[in-house]
Amino acid sequence: LVIEEIRKAEKENDVVVLAQGSMTAILPLLKETEKPVLT
């Protein structure tokens, strides 16, 4: 669910911020991203 929302946010913004530190574990699953994704 979180990855789906990150992909949506990527398309609409310059940078994506993950509000919960617990989402850090998702980063390897994202692999390459179009925009910076910060944790």
PDB file of all heavy atoms in Angstrom:
ATOM      1  N   LEU A   1       0.819  -1.209   0.000  1.00  0.00           N
ATOM      2  CA  LEU A   1       0.000   0.000   0.000  1.00  0.00           C
ATOM      3  C   LEU A   1       0.854   1.260   0.000  1.00  0.00           C
ATOM      4  O   LEU A   1       0.556   2.237  -0.698  1.00  0.00           O
ATOM      5  CB  LEU A   1      -0.928  -0.006   1.218  1.00  0.00           C
ATOM      6  CG  LEU A   1      -2.035  -1.068   1.216  1.00  0.00           C
ATOM      7  CD1 LEU A   1      -2.762  -1.062   2.555  1.00  0.00           C
ATOM      8  CD2 LEU A   1      -3.016  -0.816   0.078  1.00  0.00           C
ATOM      9  N   VAL A   2       1.924   1.247   0.774  1.00  0.00           N
ATOM     10  CA  VAL A   2       2.775   2.428   0.865  1.00  0.00           C
ATOM     11  C   VAL A   2       3.509   2.673  -0.455  1.00  0.00           C
ATOM     12  O   VAL A   2       3.595   3.815  -0.933  1.00  0.00           O
ATOM     13  CB  VAL A   2       3.768   2.301   2.035  1.00  0.00           C
ATOM     14  CG1 VAL A   2       4.757   3.470   2.020  1.00  0.00           C
ATOM     15  CG2 VAL A   2       3.029   2.271   3.367  1.00  0.00           C
ATOM     16  N   ILE A   3       4.023   1.620  -1.057  1.00  0.00           N
ATOM     17  CA  ILE A   3       4.731   1.779  -2.341  1.00  0.00           C
ATOM     18  C   ILE A   3       3.798   2.346  -3.409  1.00  0.00           C
ATOM     19  O   ILE A   3       4.187   3.208  -4.205  1.00  0.00           O
ATOM     20  CB  ILE A   3       5.325   0.429  -2.791  1.00  0.00           C
ATOM     21  CG1 ILE A   3       6.516   0.072  -1.889  1.00  0.00           C
ATOM     22  CG2 ILE A   3       5.765   0.480  -4.252  1.00  0.00           C
ATOM     23  CD1 ILE A   3       7.057  -1.320  -2.112  1.00  0.00           C
ATOM     24  N   GLU A   4       2.572   1.876  -3.413  1.00  0.00           N
ATOM     25  CA  GLU A   4       1.585   2.391  -4.374  1.00  0.00           C
ATOM     26  C   GLU A   4       1.400   3.900  -4.211  1.00  0.00           C
ATOM     27  O   GLU A   4       1.342   4.650  -5.196  1.00  0.00           O
ATOM     28  CB  GLU A   4       0.254   1.675  -4.150  1.00  0.00           C
ATOM     29  CG  GLU A   4      -0.851   2.091  -5.099  1.00  0.00           C
ATOM     30  CD  GLU A   4      -2.149   1.326  -4.828  1.00  0.00           C
ATOM     31  OE1 GLU A   4      -2.092   0.145  -4.425  1.00  0.00           O
ATOM     32  OE2 GLU A   4      -3.213   1.934  -5.028  1.00  0.00           O
ATOM     33  N   GLU A   5       1.359   4.353  -2.960  1.00  0.00           N
ATOM     34  CA  GLU A   5       1.161   5.788  -2.710  1.00  0.00           C
ATOM     35  C   GLU A   5       2.427   6.590  -3.025  1.00  0.00           C
ATOM     36  O   GLU A   5       2.351   7.723  -3.521  1.00  0.00           O
ATOM     37  CB  GLU A   5       0.735   6.002  -1.245  1.00  0.00           C
ATOM     38  CG  GLU A   5      -0.106   7.239  -1.026  1.00  0.00           C
ATOM     39  CD  GLU A   5      -1.468   7.180  -1.690  1.00  0.00           C
ATOM     40  OE1 GLU A   5      -1.928   6.079  -2.077  1.00  0.00           O
ATOM     41  OE2 GLU A   5      -2.096   8.247  -1.828  1.00  0.00           O
ATOM     42  N   ILE A   6       3.590   6.005  -2.756  1.00  0.00           N
ATOM     43  CA  ILE A   6       4.843   6.678  -3.104  1.00  0.00           C
ATOM     44  C   ILE A   6       4.934   6.890  -4.609  1.00  0.00           C
ATOM     45  O   ILE A   6       5.333   7.960  -5.080  1.00  0.00           O
ATOM     46  CB  ILE A   6       6.054   5.868  -2.597  1.00  0.00           C
ATOM     47  CG1 ILE A   6       6.110   5.895  -1.065  1.00  0.00           C
ATOM     48  CG2 ILE A   6       7.354   6.424  -3.179  1.00  0.00           C
ATOM     49  CD1 ILE A   6       7.146   4.951  -0.477  1.00  0.00           C
ATOM     50  N   ARG A   7       4.587   5.866  -5.384  1.00  0.00           N
ATOM     51  CA  ARG A   7       4.623   5.996  -6.847  1.00  0.00           C
ATOM     52  C   ARG A   7       3.707   7.119  -7.327  1.00  0.00           C
ATOM     53  O   ARG A   7       4.048   7.876  -8.244  1.00  0.00           O
ATOM     54  CB  ARG A   7       4.211   4.674  -7.487  1.00  0.00           C
ATOM     55  CG  ARG A   7       5.165   3.516  -7.231  1.00  0.00           C
ATOM     56  CD  ARG A   7       6.553   3.787  -7.732  1.00  0.00           C
ATOM     57  NE  ARG A   7       7.428   2.610  -7.630  1.00  0.00           N
ATOM     58  CZ  ARG A   7       8.748   2.667  -7.635  1.00  0.00           C
ATOM     59  NH1 ARG A   7       9.365   3.829  -7.744  1.00  0.00           N
ATOM     60  NH2 ARG A   7       9.471   1.560  -7.522  1.00  0.00           N
ATOM     61  N   LYS A   8       2.558   7.227  -6.693  1.00  0.00           N
ATOM     62  CA  LYS A   8       1.631   8.308  -7.052  1.00  0.00           C
ATOM     63  C   LYS A   8       2.238   9.667  -6.705  1.00  0.00           C
ATOM     64  O   LYS A   8       2.203  10.600  -7.526  1.00  0.00           O
ATOM     65  CB  LYS A   8       0.309   8.110  -6.305  1.00  0.00           C
ATOM     66  CG  LYS A   8      -0.718   9.200  -6.575  1.00  0.00           C
ATOM     67  CD  LYS A   8      -1.992   8.937  -5.779  1.00  0.00           C
ATOM     68  CE  LYS A   8      -3.006  10.058  -5.978  1.00  0.00           C
ATOM     69  NZ  LYS A   8      -4.218   9.859  -5.152  1.00  0.00           N
ATOM     70  N   ALA A   9       2.821   9.772  -5.516  1.00  0.00           N
ATOM     71  CA  ALA A   9       3.410  11.036  -5.072  1.00  0.00           C
ATOM     72  C   ALA A   9       4.593  11.440  -5.946  1.00  0.00           C
ATOM     73  O   ALA A   9       4.807  12.629  -6.218  1.00  0.00           O
ATOM     74  CB  ALA A   9       3.836  10.932  -3.610  1.00  0.00           C
ATOM     75  N   GLU A  10       5.356  10.459  -6.401  1.00  0.00           N
ATOM     76  CA  GLU A  10       6.508  10.724  -7.272  1.00  0.00           C
ATOM     77  C   GLU A  10       6.100  11.481  -8.532  1.00  0.00           C
ATOM     78  O   GLU A  10       6.809  12.375  -8.991  1.00  0.00           O
ATOM     79  CB  GLU A  10       7.146   9.407  -7.704  1.00  0.00           C
ATOM     80  CG  GLU A  10       8.240   8.888  -6.833  1.00  0.00           C
ATOM     81  CD  GLU A  10       8.949   7.749  -7.541  1.00  0.00           C
ATOM     82  OE1 GLU A  10       8.317   6.700  -7.758  1.00  0.00           O
ATOM     83  OE2 GLU A  10      10.117   7.929  -7.892  1.00  0.00           O
ATOM     84  N   LYS A  11       4.983  11.081  -9.100  1.00  0.00           N
ATOM     85  CA  LYS A  11       4.542  11.661 -10.369  1.00  0.00           C
ATOM     86  C   LYS A  11       4.076  13.099 -10.221  1.00  0.00           C
ATOM     87  O   LYS A  11       4.045  13.844 -11.195  1.00  0.00           O
ATOM     88  CB  LYS A  11       3.415  10.812 -10.957  1.00  0.00           C
ATOM     89  CG  LYS A  11       3.854   9.400 -11.347  1.00  0.00           C
ATOM     90  CD  LYS A  11       2.671   8.576 -11.815  1.00  0.00           C
ATOM     91  CE  LYS A  11       3.091   7.145 -12.156  1.00  0.00           C
ATOM     92  NZ  LYS A  11       1.944   6.296 -12.552  1.00  0.00           N
ATOM     93  N   GLU A  12       3.722  13.476  -9.001  1.00  0.00           N
ATOM     94  CA  GLU A  12       3.081  14.775  -8.792  1.00  0.00           C
ATOM     95  C   GLU A  12       3.951  15.781  -8.046  1.00  0.00           C
ATOM     96  O   GLU A  12       3.522  16.921  -7.833  1.00  0.00           O
ATOM     97  CB  GLU A  12       1.774  14.564  -8.018  1.00  0.00           C
ATOM     98  CG  GLU A  12       0.790  13.652  -8.760  1.00  0.00           C
ATOM     99  CD  GLU A  12      -0.419  13.277  -7.926  1.00  0.00           C
ATOM    100  OE1 GLU A  12      -0.437  13.582  -6.712  1.00  0.00           O
ATOM    101  OE2 GLU A  12      -1.359  12.669  -8.490  1.00  0.00           O
ATOM    102  N   ASN A  13       5.186  15.380  -7.646  1.00  0.00           N
ATOM    103  CA  ASN A  13       6.006  16.253  -6.816  1.00  0.00           C
ATOM    104  C   ASN A  13       7.478  16.208  -7.227  1.00  0.00           C
ATOM    105  O   ASN A  13       7.898  15.344  -7.991  1.00  0.00           O
ATOM    106  CB  ASN A  13       5.870  15.840  -5.342  1.00  0.00           C
ATOM    107  CG  ASN A  13       4.459  15.969  -4.829  1.00  0.00           C
ATOM    108  OD1 ASN A  13       4.037  17.052  -4.444  1.00  0.00           O
ATOM    109  ND2 ASN A  13       3.704  14.880  -4.845  1.00  0.00           N
ATOM    110  N   ASP A  14       8.261  17.136  -6.649  1.00  0.00           N
ATOM    111  CA  ASP A  14       9.705  17.170  -6.889  1.00  0.00           C
ATOM    112  C   ASP A  14      10.451  16.229  -5.949  1.00  0.00           C
ATOM    113  O   ASP A  14      11.529  15.731  -6.283  1.00  0.00           O
ATOM    114  CB  ASP A  14      10.247  18.591  -6.671  1.00  0.00           C
ATOM    115  CG  ASP A  14       9.586  19.614  -7.574  1.00  0.00           C
ATOM    116  OD1 ASP A  14       9.410  19.309  -8.769  1.00  0.00           O
ATOM    117  OD2 ASP A  14       9.246  20.706  -7.089  1.00  0.00           O
ATOM    118  N   VAL A  15       9.904  16.029  -4.769  1.00  0.00           N
ATOM    119  CA  VAL A  15      10.540  15.196  -3.753  1.00  0.00           C
ATOM    120  C   VAL A  15       9.435  14.573  -2.903  1.00  0.00           C
ATOM    121  O   VAL A  15       8.376  15.175  -2.698  1.00  0.00           O
ATOM    122  CB  VAL A  15      11.522  16.022  -2.887  1.00  0.00           C
ATOM    123  CG1 VAL A  15      10.839  17.203  -2.243  1.00  0.00           C
ATOM    124  CG2 VAL A  15      12.201  15.162  -1.831  1.00  0.00           C
ATOM    125  N   VAL A  16       9.686  13.355  -2.419  1.00  0.00           N
ATOM    126  CA  VAL A  16       8.705  12.643  -1.584  1.00  0.00           C
ATOM    127  C   VAL A  16       9.302  12.443  -0.197  1.00  0.00           C
ATOM    128  O   VAL A  16      10.444  11.993  -0.053  1.00  0.00           O
ATOM    129  CB  VAL A  16       8.325  11.280  -2.194  1.00  0.00           C
ATOM    130  CG1 VAL A  16       7.324  10.545  -1.299  1.00  0.00           C
ATOM    131  CG2 VAL A  16       7.759  11.462  -3.599  1.00  0.00           C
ATOM    132  N   VAL A  17       8.520  12.777   0.815  1.00  0.00           N
ATOM    133  CA  VAL A  17       8.936  12.635   2.213  1.00  0.00           C
ATOM    134  C   VAL A  17       8.081  11.543   2.852  1.00  0.00           C
ATOM    135  O   VAL A  17       6.855  11.572   2.758  1.00  0.00           O
ATOM    136  CB  VAL A  17       8.746  13.972   2.965  1.00  0.00           C
ATOM    137  CG1 VAL A  17       8.903  13.777   4.460  1.00  0.00           C
ATOM    138  CG2 VAL A  17       9.716  15.013   2.447  1.00  0.00           C
ATOM    139  N   LEU A  18       8.739  10.574   3.502  1.00  0.00           N
ATOM    140  CA  LEU A  18       8.024   9.514   4.214  1.00  0.00           C
ATOM    141  C   LEU A  18       7.932   9.910   5.680  1.00  0.00           C
ATOM    142  O   LEU A  18       8.942   9.989   6.382  1.00  0.00           O
ATOM    143  CB  LEU A  18       8.747   8.173   4.044  1.00  0.00           C
ATOM    144  CG  LEU A  18       9.010   7.731   2.593  1.00  0.00           C
ATOM    145  CD1 LEU A  18       9.589   6.320   2.563  1.00  0.00           C
ATOM    146  CD2 LEU A  18       7.733   7.802   1.753  1.00  0.00           C
ATOM    147  N   ALA A  19       6.707  10.166   6.131  1.00  0.00           N
ATOM    148  CA  ALA A  19       6.508  10.748   7.458  1.00  0.00           C
ATOM    149  C   ALA A  19       6.893   9.804   8.590  1.00  0.00           C
ATOM    150  O   ALA A  19       7.359  10.253   9.639  1.00  0.00           O
ATOM    151  CB  ALA A  19       5.046  11.173   7.622  1.00  0.00           C
ATOM    152  N   GLN A  20       6.696   8.512   8.423  1.00  0.00           N
ATOM    153  CA  GLN A  20       7.036   7.544   9.468  1.00  0.00           C
ATOM    154  C   GLN A  20       8.419   6.942   9.211  1.00  0.00           C
ATOM    155  O   GLN A  20       8.694   6.471   8.098  1.00  0.00           O
ATOM    156  CB  GLN A  20       6.014   6.402   9.530  1.00  0.00           C
ATOM    157  CG  GLN A  20       4.847   6.634  10.466  1.00  0.00           C
ATOM    158  CD  GLN A  20       3.943   7.751   9.993  1.00  0.00           C
ATOM    159  OE1 GLN A  20       3.516   7.801   8.845  1.00  0.00           O
ATOM    160  NE2 GLN A  20       3.653   8.680  10.886  1.00  0.00           N
ATOM    161  N   GLY A  21       9.256   6.937  10.240  1.00  0.00           N
ATOM    162  CA  GLY A  21      10.555   6.307  10.119  1.00  0.00           C
ATOM    163  C   GLY A  21      10.455   4.832   9.796  1.00  0.00           C
ATOM    164  O   GLY A  21      11.363   4.253   9.191  1.00  0.00           O
ATOM    165  N   SER A  22       9.344   4.219  10.184  1.00  0.00           N
ATOM    166  CA  SER A  22       9.137   2.788   9.939  1.00  0.00           C
ATOM    167  C   SER A  22       9.057   2.451   8.462  1.00  0.00           C
ATOM    168  O   SER A  22       9.182   1.292   8.071  1.00  0.00           O
ATOM    169  CB  SER A  22       7.840   2.337  10.627  1.00  0.00           C
ATOM    170  OG  SER A  22       6.737   3.113  10.201  1.00  0.00           O
ATOM    171  N   MET A  23       8.885   3.450   7.600  1.00  0.00           N
ATOM    172  CA  MET A  23       8.812   3.198   6.159  1.00  0.00           C
ATOM    173  C   MET A  23      10.185   3.041   5.517  1.00  0.00           C
ATOM    174  O   MET A  23      10.287   2.737   4.325  1.00  0.00           O
ATOM    175  CB  MET A  23       8.031   4.324   5.465  1.00  0.00           C
ATOM    176  CG  MET A  23       6.543   4.278   5.712  1.00  0.00           C
ATOM    177  SD  MET A  23       5.646   5.459   4.665  1.00  0.00           S
ATOM    178  CE  MET A  23       5.602   6.892   5.724  1.00  0.00           C
ATOM    179  N   THR A  24      11.251   3.222   6.283  1.00  0.00           N
ATOM    180  CA  THR A  24      12.601   3.091   5.745  1.00  0.00           C
ATOM    181  C   THR A  24      12.829   1.720   5.114  1.00  0.00           C
ATOM    182  O   THR A  24      13.528   1.590   4.097  1.00  0.00           O
ATOM    183  CB  THR A  24      13.638   3.316   6.854  1.00  0.00           C
ATOM    184  OG1 THR A  24      13.441   4.619   7.418  1.00  0.00           O
ATOM    185  CG2 THR A  24      15.054   3.228   6.314  1.00  0.00           C
ATOM    186  N   ALA A  25      12.243   0.694   5.695  1.00  0.00           N
ATOM    187  CA  ALA A  25      12.444  -0.681   5.201  1.00  0.00           C
ATOM    188  C   ALA A  25      11.928  -0.868   3.782  1.00  0.00           C
ATOM    189  O   ALA A  25      12.289  -1.835   3.103  1.00  0.00           O
ATOM    190  CB  ALA A  25      11.754  -1.669   6.142  1.00  0.00           C
ATOM    191  N   ILE A  26      11.103   0.061   3.307  1.00  0.00           N
ATOM    192  CA  ILE A  26      10.539  -0.041   1.965  1.00  0.00           C
ATOM    193  C   ILE A  26      11.547   0.364   0.885  1.00  0.00           C
ATOM    194  O   ILE A  26      11.445  -0.063  -0.266  1.00  0.00           O
ATOM    195  CB  ILE A  26       9.263   0.829   1.871  1.00  0.00           C
ATOM    196  CG1 ILE A  26       8.137   0.173   2.659  1.00  0.00           C
ATOM    197  CG2 ILE A  26       8.845   1.079   0.437  1.00  0.00           C
ATOM    198  CD1 ILE A  26       6.902   0.994   2.736  1.00  0.00           C
ATOM    199  N   LEU A  27      12.533   1.166   1.243  1.00  0.00           N
ATOM    200  CA  LEU A  27      13.439   1.727   0.238  1.00  0.00           C
ATOM    201  C   LEU A  27      14.069   0.690  -0.685  1.00  0.00           C
ATOM    202  O   LEU A  27      14.109   0.897  -1.900  1.00  0.00           O
ATOM    203  CB  LEU A  27      14.523   2.567   0.924  1.00  0.00           C
ATOM    204  CG  LEU A  27      14.040   3.845   1.604  1.00  0.00           C
ATOM    205  CD1 LEU A  27      15.217   4.618   2.170  1.00  0.00           C
ATOM    206  CD2 LEU A  27      13.244   4.724   0.649  1.00  0.00           C
ATOM    207  N   PRO A  28      14.565  -0.453  -0.175  1.00  0.00           N
ATOM    208  CA  PRO A  28      15.127  -1.448  -1.098  1.00  0.00           C
ATOM    209  C   PRO A  28      14.102  -1.991  -2.091  1.00  0.00           C
ATOM    210  O   PRO A  28      14.455  -2.388  -3.200  1.00  0.00           O
ATOM    211  CB  PRO A  28      15.634  -2.554  -0.162  1.00  0.00           C
ATOM    212  CG  PRO A  28      15.834  -1.882   1.153  1.00  0.00           C
ATOM    213  CD  PRO A  28      14.766  -0.856   1.230  1.00  0.00           C
ATOM    214  N   LEU A  29      12.832  -2.015  -1.697  1.00  0.00           N
ATOM    215  CA  LEU A  29      11.781  -2.525  -2.570  1.00  0.00           C
ATOM    216  C   LEU A  29      11.456  -1.538  -3.683  1.00  0.00           C
ATOM    217  O   LEU A  29      10.998  -1.925  -4.756  1.00  0.00           O
ATOM    218  CB  LEU A  29      10.517  -2.827  -1.762  1.00  0.00           C
ATOM    219  CG  LEU A  29      10.674  -3.835  -0.612  1.00  0.00           C
ATOM    220  CD1 LEU A  29       9.366  -3.970   0.151  1.00  0.00           C
ATOM    221  CD2 LEU A  29      11.129  -5.182  -1.136  1.00  0.00           C
ATOM    222  N   LEU A  30      11.706  -0.248  -3.430  1.00  0.00           N
ATOM    223  CA  LEU A  30      11.422   0.770  -4.444  1.00  0.00           C
ATOM    224  C   LEU A  30      12.419   0.705  -5.594  1.00  0.00           C
ATOM    225  O   LEU A  30      12.102   1.047  -6.723  1.00  0.00           O
ATOM    226  CB  LEU A  30      11.487   2.163  -3.809  1.00  0.00           C
ATOM    227  CG  LEU A  30      10.310   2.591  -2.947  1.00  0.00           C
ATOM    228  CD1 LEU A  30      10.634   3.900  -2.249  1.00  0.00           C
ATOM    229  CD2 LEU A  30       9.051   2.756  -3.794  1.00  0.00           C
ATOM    230  N   LYS A  31      13.659   0.283  -5.257  1.00  0.00           N
ATOM    231  CA  LYS A  31      14.749   0.267  -6.247  1.00  0.00           C
ATOM    232  C   LYS A  31      14.934   1.677  -6.793  1.00  0.00           C
ATOM    233  O   LYS A  31      15.094   2.618  -6.038  1.00  0.00           O
ATOM    234  CB  LYS A  31      14.466  -0.767  -7.331  1.00  0.00           C
ATOM    235  CG  LYS A  31      14.354  -2.192  -6.765  1.00  0.00           C
ATOM    236  CD  LYS A  31      14.048  -3.204  -7.832  1.00  0.00           C
ATOM    237  CE  LYS A  31      13.916  -4.598  -7.226  1.00  0.00           C
ATOM    238  NZ  LYS A  31      13.573  -5.630  -8.229  1.00  0.00           N
ATOM    239  N   GLU A  32      14.900   1.857  -8.097  1.00  0.00           N
ATOM    240  CA  GLU A  32      15.106   3.193  -8.655  1.00  0.00           C
ATOM    241  C   GLU A  32      13.817   4.016  -8.554  1.00  0.00           C
ATOM    242  O   GLU A  32      12.730   3.507  -8.780  1.00  0.00           O
ATOM    243  CB  GLU A  32      15.546   3.098 -10.113  1.00  0.00           C
ATOM    244  CG  GLU A  32      16.920   2.472 -10.305  1.00  0.00           C
ATOM    245  CD  GLU A  32      17.373   2.516 -11.754  1.00  0.00           C
ATOM    246  OE1 GLU A  32      16.688   3.178 -12.564  1.00  0.00           O
ATOM    247  OE2 GLU A  32      18.397   1.892 -12.058  1.00  0.00           O
ATOM    248  N   THR A  33      13.993   5.296  -8.227  1.00  0.00           N
ATOM    249  CA  THR A  33      12.836   6.183  -8.140  1.00  0.00           C
ATOM    250  C   THR A  33      13.046   7.375  -9.068  1.00  0.00           C
ATOM    251  O   THR A  33      14.176   7.795  -9.327  1.00  0.00           O
ATOM    252  CB  THR A  33      12.630   6.699  -6.701  1.00  0.00           C
ATOM    253  OG1 THR A  33      13.820   7.378  -6.267  1.00  0.00           O
ATOM    254  CG2 THR A  33      12.333   5.541  -5.757  1.00  0.00           C
ATOM    255  N   GLU A  34      11.940   7.904  -9.566  1.00  0.00           N
ATOM    256  CA  GLU A  34      12.018   9.052 -10.465  1.00  0.00           C
ATOM    257  C   GLU A  34      12.425  10.316  -9.714  1.00  0.00           C
ATOM    258  O   GLU A  34      13.090  11.186 -10.263  1.00  0.00           O
ATOM    259  CB  GLU A  34      10.657   9.276 -11.125  1.00  0.00           C
ATOM    260  CG  GLU A  34      10.196   8.139 -12.017  1.00  0.00           C
ATOM    261  CD  GLU A  34       8.816   8.386 -12.589  1.00  0.00           C
ATOM    262  OE1 GLU A  34       8.326   9.541 -12.459  1.00  0.00           O
ATOM    263  OE2 GLU A  34       8.220   7.464 -13.167  1.00  0.00           O
ATOM    264  N   LYS A  35      12.007  10.425  -8.472  1.00  0.00           N
ATOM    265  CA  LYS A  35      12.271  11.603  -7.652  1.00  0.00           C
ATOM    266  C   LYS A  35      12.932  11.165  -6.337  1.00  0.00           C
ATOM    267  O   LYS A  35      12.816  10.004  -5.940  1.00  0.00           O
ATOM    268  CB  LYS A  35      10.946  12.322  -7.336  1.00  0.00           C
ATOM    269  CG  LYS A  35      10.084  12.613  -8.548  1.00  0.00           C
ATOM    270  CD  LYS A  35      10.651  13.704  -9.408  1.00  0.00           C
ATOM    271  CE  LYS A  35       9.822  13.924 -10.674  1.00  0.00           C
ATOM    272  NZ  LYS A  35       8.410  14.187 -10.417  1.00  0.00           N
ATOM    273  N   PRO A  36      13.605  12.083  -5.637  1.00  0.00           N
ATOM    274  CA  PRO A  36      14.175  11.733  -4.333  1.00  0.00           C
ATOM    275  C   PRO A  36      13.075  11.310  -3.354  1.00  0.00           C
ATOM    276  O   PRO A  36      12.027  11.955  -3.285  1.00  0.00           O
ATOM    277  CB  PRO A  36      14.840  13.037  -3.873  1.00  0.00           C
ATOM    278  CG  PRO A  36      15.046  13.830  -5.120  1.00  0.00           C
ATOM    279  CD  PRO A  36      13.914  13.470  -6.030  1.00  0.00           C
ATOM    280  N   VAL A  37      13.320  10.228  -2.640  1.00  0.00           N
ATOM    281  CA  VAL A  37      12.400   9.744  -1.606  1.00  0.00           C
ATOM    282  C   VAL A  37      13.164   9.752  -0.289  1.00  0.00           C
ATOM    283  O   VAL A  37      14.153   9.028  -0.130  1.00  0.00           O
ATOM    284  CB  VAL A  37      11.868   8.332  -1.923  1.00  0.00           C
ATOM    285  CG1 VAL A  37      10.960   7.846  -0.790  1.00  0.00           C
ATOM    286  CG2 VAL A  37      11.104   8.330  -3.248  1.00  0.00           C
ATOM    287  N   LEU A  38      12.727  10.590   0.656  1.00  0.00           N
ATOM    288  CA  LEU A  38      13.467  10.805   1.891  1.00  0.00           C
ATOM    289  C   LEU A  38      12.822  10.100   3.078  1.00  0.00           C
ATOM    290  O   LEU A  38      11.595  10.091   3.216  1.00  0.00           O
ATOM    291  CB  LEU A  38      13.549  12.304   2.199  1.00  0.00           C
ATOM    292  CG  LEU A  38      14.097  13.212   1.100  1.00  0.00           C
ATOM    293  CD1 LEU A  38      14.138  14.652   1.594  1.00  0.00           C
ATOM    294  CD2 LEU A  38      15.475  12.761   0.635  1.00  0.00           C
ATOM    295  N   THR A  39      13.658   9.513   3.931  1.00  0.00           N
ATOM    296  CA  THR A  39      13.205   8.968   5.203  1.00  0.00           C
ATOM    297  C   THR A  39      14.039   9.607   6.309  1.00  0.00           C
ATOM    298  O   THR A  39      15.138  10.124   6.072  1.00  0.00           O
ATOM    299  CB  THR A  39      13.353   7.436   5.256  1.00  0.00           C
ATOM    300  OG1 THR A  39      14.735   7.095   5.078  1.00  0.00           O
ATOM    301  CG2 THR A  39      12.516   6.772   4.175  1.00  0.00           C
TER     302      THR A  39
END
